[in-house]
Protein backbone atom coordinates (compact mmCIF):
# COMPACT_ATOMS: atom_id res chain seq x y z
CA MET A 1 7.52 35.77 29.12
CA ARG A 2 10.68 37.87 29.38
CA ILE A 3 10.38 41.27 27.71
CA ASN A 4 13.17 40.57 25.21
CA LYS A 5 11.36 37.44 24.03
CA PHE A 6 8.05 39.32 23.86
CA ILE A 7 9.61 41.99 21.63
CA SER A 8 11.48 39.52 19.41
CA GLU A 9 8.32 37.52 18.77
CA THR A 10 6.64 40.58 17.27
CA GLY A 11 9.34 40.45 14.60
CA ILE A 12 10.79 43.92 15.15
CA SER A 13 14.12 42.87 16.61
CA SER A 14 16.26 40.07 17.95
CA ARG A 15 16.38 39.42 21.71
CA ARG A 16 19.84 40.97 21.91
CA GLU A 17 18.66 44.17 20.26
CA ALA A 18 15.57 44.22 22.49
CA ASP A 19 17.82 44.06 25.58
CA LYS A 20 19.68 47.12 24.32
CA TRP A 21 16.39 48.98 23.91
CA VAL A 22 15.39 48.07 27.47
CA GLU A 23 18.75 49.21 28.85
CA ALA A 24 18.36 52.52 26.99
CA GLY A 25 14.98 53.14 28.61
CA ARG A 26 13.10 52.91 25.32
CA VAL A 27 10.64 50.18 26.41
CA THR A 28 7.58 50.46 28.65
CA ILE A 29 5.16 47.83 29.93
CA ASN A 30 1.74 49.22 30.85
CA GLY A 31 3.27 52.69 31.11
CA LYS A 32 6.21 51.72 33.33
CA LEU A 33 9.84 51.52 32.20
CA ALA A 34 10.89 47.94 31.56
CA GLU A 35 14.01 46.45 33.06
CA LEU A 36 16.16 43.57 31.89
CA GLY A 37 14.27 40.44 32.85
CA SER A 38 10.88 42.16 33.14
CA GLN A 39 7.93 39.94 32.28
CA ALA A 40 5.22 40.75 29.73
CA GLU A 41 2.15 38.85 28.58
CA LYS A 42 0.03 39.15 25.45
CA GLU A 43 -2.58 41.29 27.20
CA ASP A 44 0.04 43.83 28.36
CA GLU A 45 0.59 47.16 26.59
CA VAL A 46 4.21 47.17 25.43
CA ARG A 47 5.64 50.24 23.73
CA VAL A 48 9.02 50.99 22.12
CA ASP A 49 9.80 54.70 21.87
CA GLY A 50 6.16 55.31 22.72
CA GLN A 51 4.91 53.19 19.81
CA LEU A 52 2.64 50.29 20.66
CA ILE A 53 4.02 47.02 19.31
CA GLY A 54 1.66 44.37 18.07
CA ALA A 55 1.10 40.68 18.41
CA LYS A 56 3.46 37.98 17.26
CA LYS A 57 3.90 37.95 13.48
CA THR A 58 3.99 34.92 11.28
CA ALA A 59 7.57 33.68 11.24
CA LEU A 60 9.36 34.30 7.95
CA TYR A 61 12.50 32.50 6.79
CA ILE A 62 14.37 33.48 3.62
CA ALA A 63 17.31 32.07 1.65
CA PHE A 64 19.08 34.83 -0.29
CA ASN A 65 21.81 34.57 -2.92
CA LYS A 66 23.87 37.63 -1.98
CA PRO A 67 25.90 39.40 -4.67
CA VAL A 68 29.35 40.84 -4.04
CA GLY A 69 29.12 44.41 -2.73
CA ILE A 70 26.06 43.92 -0.51
CA THR A 71 26.68 44.45 3.21
CA CYS A 72 24.98 42.14 5.73
CA THR A 73 23.68 44.82 8.07
CA THR A 74 20.29 46.12 9.17
CA GLU A 75 21.68 49.67 9.36
CA ARG A 76 19.76 51.39 6.59
CA HIS A 77 22.10 54.37 6.38
CA ILE A 78 24.85 52.10 5.03
CA GLU A 79 24.80 52.12 1.25
CA GLY A 80 24.24 48.69 -0.27
CA ASN A 81 22.77 47.17 2.92
CA ILE A 82 21.10 43.79 2.55
CA ILE A 83 17.71 44.96 3.86
CA ASP A 84 17.20 47.66 1.23
CA PHE A 85 18.50 45.34 -1.50
CA ILE A 86 15.91 42.65 -0.72
CA GLY A 87 13.16 45.21 -0.09
CA HIS A 88 10.88 42.86 1.85
CA GLU A 89 7.76 44.36 3.43
CA GLU A 90 8.47 42.58 6.72
CA ARG A 91 11.25 43.66 9.07
CA ILE A 92 13.86 40.94 8.58
CA PHE A 93 17.48 40.55 9.64
CA PRO A 94 20.32 38.26 8.57
CA ILE A 95 21.36 35.18 10.51
CA GLY A 96 25.10 35.63 10.81
CA ARG A 97 27.19 37.39 8.21
CA LEU A 98 28.75 37.02 4.78
CA ASP A 99 31.57 39.41 3.89
CA LYS A 100 30.82 42.28 1.53
CA ASP A 101 33.44 40.89 -0.87
CA SER A 102 31.89 37.41 -0.77
CA GLU A 103 28.77 36.06 -2.46
CA GLY A 104 26.26 33.30 -2.00
CA LEU A 105 23.86 31.95 0.55
CA ILE A 106 22.71 33.82 3.62
CA LEU A 107 19.56 33.23 5.66
CA LEU A 108 17.27 35.99 6.92
CA THR A 109 14.26 35.94 9.24
CA ASN A 110 11.94 38.01 11.40
CA ASN A 111 12.20 35.41 14.19
CA GLY A 112 14.75 36.54 16.77
CA ASP A 113 14.55 33.21 18.59
CA ILE A 114 15.93 31.11 15.74
CA VAL A 115 18.69 33.66 15.13
CA ASN A 116 19.99 33.12 18.65
CA GLN A 117 19.63 29.34 18.43
CA ILE A 118 21.51 29.06 15.15
CA LEU A 119 24.27 31.46 16.20
CA ARG A 120 24.76 29.58 19.48
CA ALA A 121 25.22 26.40 17.44
CA GLU A 122 27.43 28.14 14.86
CA ASN A 123 30.47 26.02 15.66
CA SER A 124 28.44 22.86 15.11
CA HIS A 125 26.68 23.24 11.78
CA ALA A 126 28.25 22.99 8.35
CA LYS A 127 28.75 25.83 5.89
CA GLU A 128 30.08 24.96 2.44
CA TYR A 129 32.05 27.30 0.18
CA ILE A 130 33.50 27.25 -3.33
CA VAL A 131 36.74 29.25 -3.44
CA THR A 132 38.82 30.48 -6.36
CA VAL A 133 42.45 31.45 -5.65
CA ASN A 134 45.25 33.14 -7.55
CA ARG A 135 47.76 30.28 -7.57
CA LEU A 136 47.85 26.63 -8.57
CA ILE A 137 46.31 24.49 -5.83
CA THR A 138 48.75 21.90 -4.46
CA PRO A 139 48.17 18.81 -2.32
CA GLN A 140 50.23 20.48 0.42
CA PHE A 141 47.90 23.49 0.43
CA LEU A 142 44.79 21.33 0.66
CA GLN A 143 46.27 19.25 3.47
CA GLY A 144 47.33 22.34 5.42
CA MET A 145 43.90 23.94 5.09
CA ALA A 146 42.21 20.72 6.22
CA GLU A 147 44.39 20.09 9.25
CA GLY A 148 44.04 23.55 10.82
CA VAL A 149 45.62 26.96 10.28
CA PRO A 150 46.98 29.41 12.89
CA ILE A 151 44.96 32.63 12.56
CA LEU A 152 43.51 35.17 15.00
CA ASP A 153 45.44 33.77 17.97
CA THR A 154 43.94 30.31 17.53
CA VAL A 155 44.14 27.31 15.23
CA THR A 156 41.18 26.60 13.00
CA GLN A 157 39.29 23.36 13.46
CA ALA A 158 39.98 20.48 11.11
CA CYS A 159 37.69 20.70 8.10
CA GLU A 160 36.80 19.09 4.77
CA VAL A 161 38.73 20.44 1.77
CA SER A 162 38.74 19.09 -1.79
CA ARG A 163 40.11 20.26 -5.13
CA ILE A 164 37.65 21.12 -7.91
CA SER A 165 40.12 22.41 -10.52
CA ASP A 166 43.59 23.96 -10.73
CA TYR A 167 42.46 27.16 -9.03
CA VAL A 168 39.18 26.20 -7.35
CA PHE A 169 38.51 24.18 -4.20
CA ARG A 170 35.60 23.30 -1.94
CA ILE A 171 35.74 23.77 1.83
CA VAL A 172 33.22 22.89 4.55
CA LEU A 173 33.58 24.79 7.83
CA THR A 174 31.94 24.40 11.21
CA GLN A 175 33.42 27.65 12.49
CA GLY A 176 32.58 31.28 11.91
CA LEU A 177 35.79 33.24 12.48
CA ASN A 178 36.12 36.69 10.96
CA ARG A 179 37.11 36.37 7.26
CA GLN A 180 38.24 32.87 8.11
CA ILE A 181 38.78 31.41 4.64
CA ARG A 182 40.62 34.48 3.37
CA ARG A 183 42.92 34.44 6.40
CA MET A 184 43.52 30.69 6.08
CA CYS A 185 44.49 31.08 2.42
CA ALA A 186 46.72 34.07 3.17
CA HIS A 187 48.66 31.96 5.66
CA PHE A 188 49.79 29.81 2.72
CA GLU A 189 50.36 32.90 0.52
CA TYR A 190 47.24 32.35 -1.55
CA GLN A 191 44.86 35.19 -2.39
CA VAL A 192 41.12 34.59 -2.71
CA ARG A 193 39.74 35.74 -6.05
CA ARG A 194 36.17 34.56 -5.53
CA LEU A 195 34.40 33.18 -2.47
CA GLN A 196 30.90 31.75 -2.75
CA ARG A 197 28.91 30.13 0.06
CA VAL A 198 26.73 27.40 -1.44
CA ARG A 199 25.26 25.69 1.64
CA ILE A 200 24.29 26.40 5.24
CA MET A 201 23.27 23.24 7.11
CA ASN A 202 20.64 21.64 4.82
CA ILE A 203 19.90 24.80 2.79
CA THR A 204 21.59 25.19 -0.62
CA LEU A 205 21.76 27.71 -3.48
CA GLU A 206 20.12 25.27 -5.88
CA ASN A 207 17.87 27.07 -8.41
CA LEU A 208 18.43 30.43 -6.69
CA ARG A 209 19.69 33.10 -9.07
CA MET A 210 22.19 35.73 -7.97
CA GLY A 211 20.40 38.56 -6.18
CA SER A 212 17.17 36.60 -5.71
CA TRP A 213 15.58 35.05 -2.62
CA ARG A 214 13.00 32.45 -1.69
CA GLU A 215 11.16 31.36 1.44
CA LEU A 216 12.32 28.13 3.07
CA SER A 217 10.06 25.12 2.74
CA GLU A 218 8.45 23.42 5.71
CA ALA A 219 10.73 20.43 5.15
CA GLU A 220 13.84 22.62 5.21
CA LEU A 221 12.69 24.37 8.38
CA GLY A 222 11.86 21.08 10.03
CA GLN A 223 15.39 19.83 9.37
CA ILE A 224 16.92 23.05 10.75
CA TYR A 225 14.96 22.79 13.98
CA GLU A 226 15.84 19.11 14.25
CA ASP A 227 19.55 19.91 13.83
CA ILE A 228 19.40 22.73 16.37
CA ALA A 229 17.72 20.46 18.91
CA LYS A 230 20.67 18.05 18.71
CA LYS A 231 23.19 20.71 19.81
C-alpha cells in the first residue's frame, strides 16, 4: 500500500500529515528514505524520525461535546487544545473543525482514512446547529438565511432554517465555510450569542454532557460508512 496509507493506518497521523512527513525526509522504509507514492507492506520496517511505527491499531471513533473555549487542533502547544482536554490514551484527531467560540458535537478518530472520506463529502452531509442571536428573529431573516447569503466571495447553498423562539433558530447546513453561520447572520446585521452544533450526519448530542465524550456504536458507524459510500 502507499506509504501515507500505511502510516495513517497505524493511527499516528492522517494521510495528509503523513505526506508532509515524507516530503520532509522524516520517513524511511527498510532504511531508505521514502518518497511520495512509495509502497510499504506489513513486513516492511517503517520509521518516522528514526522511531519504528507499529501495526495497524484498532480504529477508534469518538463523539465529543465541545465546550466554548476549546480549540480544535492537534497542536499541543496551543493552550486549551482539544487533544489535551479529552486526554485519551490513543493518538486521536478531530474530523473537521468547530470554532473556539462555538460548542457542541465534533467527531474524533485515530483512523486517517475516514477523516479524508468524510471531509471529501463535507458538502454533502448534514450538520445541524441551534443558534441564539441578539435581535428578534423575523420571517425575512429566516427566508434570507435559507435562500443563500453572499459571503466569502460566494453565495451559500440553500439550507433548512426554522424558528425555535424569538431569539433562537435551527439551521441545517451541507457546507463547511469558515465561520459560515456567524458570517451569514452578520450579513443581516444579527450577532450570534450562542452557537451549538447538535448533529453531524446521523450522530447527535443526545445524552452527552458538555465536556464529555463517548465512542460511536457499531450501528452509528455502519450508517456513516453507508452514507459516505453514496457520495
